[in-house]
């Protein structure tokens, strides 16, 4: 199977598992002696969703879009390549004339 198909199946499986109709009307058994089973299930589901999002970003991120943006920033006039139009501000570095800078 391809990587893309496995990721799509994982998203579909997580979507189906989110519809937990089996723990709606019961609070027992208590996990660790204090946590209702439905709350524990959703805590585990949140961890699984976070891991799946990490996998999606790592393996399915559209890197070609980032390459296009980087290429556009290299053109004269900034993104879009239009002369006379200022490029949008970049927030990934400290401004050189910052009044908060210490000597």
Protein backbone atom coordinates (compact mmCIF):
# COMPACT_ATOMS: atom_id res chain seq x y z
CA UNK A 1 0.00 0.00 0.00
CA UNK A 2 1.13 3.52 -0.61
CA UNK A 3 1.91 5.95 2.18
CA UNK A 4 -0.89 8.26 1.09
CA UNK A 5 -3.51 5.51 1.22
CA UNK A 6 -2.38 4.47 4.71
CA UNK A 7 -2.67 8.08 5.95
CA UNK A 8 -6.15 8.42 4.44
CA UNK A 9 -7.22 5.15 6.10
CA UNK A 10 -5.78 6.34 9.43
CA UNK A 11 -7.76 9.59 9.22
CA UNK A 12 -10.93 7.65 8.34
CA UNK A 13 -10.36 5.20 11.21
CA UNK A 14 -9.81 8.02 13.69
CA UNK A 15 -12.98 9.72 12.44
CA UNK A 16 -14.99 6.54 13.00
CA UNK A 17 -13.42 5.96 16.43
CA UNK A 18 -14.34 9.49 17.49
CA UNK A 19 -18.02 8.53 17.37
CA UNK A 20 -17.84 6.57 20.63
CA UNK A 21 -21.43 5.53 21.19
CA UNK A 22 -20.35 2.70 23.49
CA UNK A 23 -19.40 4.92 26.46
CA UNK A 24 -22.25 7.45 26.37
CA UNK A 25 -24.38 6.11 29.21
CA UNK A 26 -21.84 4.63 31.59
CA UNK A 27 -19.28 6.13 33.92
CA UNK A 28 -17.95 2.81 35.18
CA UNK A 29 -15.40 1.30 35.21
CA UNK A 30 -13.21 4.01 36.64
CA UNK A 31 -9.73 4.10 35.14
CA UNK A 32 -6.99 4.56 37.77
CA UNK A 33 -9.78 4.54 40.35
CA UNK A 34 -11.05 8.08 39.61
CA UNK A 35 -11.40 8.75 35.86
CA UNK A 36 -14.61 7.78 34.02
CA UNK A 37 -14.01 5.47 31.09
CA UNK A 38 -15.41 7.98 28.56
CA UNK A 39 -13.00 10.69 29.68
CA UNK A 40 -10.08 8.27 29.52
CA UNK A 41 -11.16 7.20 26.04
CA UNK A 42 -11.18 10.81 24.84
CA UNK A 43 -7.79 11.50 26.44
CA UNK A 44 -6.35 8.55 24.52
CA UNK A 45 -8.16 9.71 21.38
CA UNK A 46 -6.58 13.17 21.73
CA UNK A 47 -3.11 11.65 21.95
CA UNK A 48 -3.83 9.48 18.89
CA UNK A 49 -5.13 12.51 16.95
CA UNK A 50 -2.00 14.49 17.85
CA UNK A 51 0.24 11.67 16.66
CA UNK A 52 -1.73 11.38 13.43
CA UNK A 53 -1.43 15.12 12.81
CA UNK A 54 2.35 14.84 13.36
CA UNK A 55 2.45 12.01 10.80
CA UNK A 56 0.39 14.02 8.33
CA UNK A 57 2.63 17.09 8.66
CA UNK A 58 5.77 14.97 8.43
CA UNK A 59 4.76 12.80 5.47
CA UNK A 60 1.97 14.57 3.59
CA UNK A 61 2.85 18.27 3.85
CA UNK A 62 2.64 19.97 0.41
CA UNK A 63 6.30 21.07 0.22
CA UNK A 64 5.83 22.28 -3.36
CA UNK A 65 3.73 25.18 -2.04
CA UNK A 66 6.55 26.29 0.23
CA UNK A 67 9.01 26.13 -2.67
CA UNK A 68 6.69 28.36 -4.72
CA UNK A 69 6.51 30.95 -1.93
CA UNK A 70 10.29 30.91 -1.45
CA UNK A 71 10.72 31.35 -5.20
CA UNK A 72 8.28 34.29 -5.24
CA UNK A 73 10.14 36.02 -2.41
CA UNK A 74 13.31 35.99 -4.51
CA UNK A 75 11.66 37.91 -7.37
CA UNK A 76 11.96 41.70 -7.59
CA UNK A 77 8.99 43.32 -5.89
CA UNK A 78 8.44 40.46 -3.47
CA UNK A 79 5.58 37.96 -3.68
CA UNK A 80 3.76 38.17 -6.98
CA UNK A 81 6.77 39.80 -8.63
CA UNK A 82 5.04 43.16 -9.08
CA UNK A 83 7.33 46.17 -9.26
CA UNK A 84 6.49 49.03 -6.95
CA UNK A 85 4.57 46.84 -4.51
CA UNK A 86 6.23 46.40 -1.16
CA UNK A 87 6.74 42.88 0.12
CA UNK A 88 4.79 41.99 3.26
CA UNK A 89 6.71 42.27 6.52
CA UNK A 90 8.64 39.24 7.70
CA UNK A 91 8.30 38.34 11.35
CA UNK A 92 10.95 35.66 11.52
CA UNK A 93 13.76 38.05 12.47
CA UNK A 94 14.29 40.98 14.83
CA UNK A 95 14.02 44.48 13.29
CA UNK A 96 17.34 46.34 13.25
CA UNK A 97 15.93 49.58 14.67
CA UNK A 98 14.14 47.99 17.61
CA UNK A 99 13.84 50.37 20.60
CA UNK A 100 13.94 47.38 22.98
CA UNK A 101 17.40 46.32 21.92
CA UNK A 102 19.95 46.60 24.71
CA UNK A 103 23.39 48.11 24.01
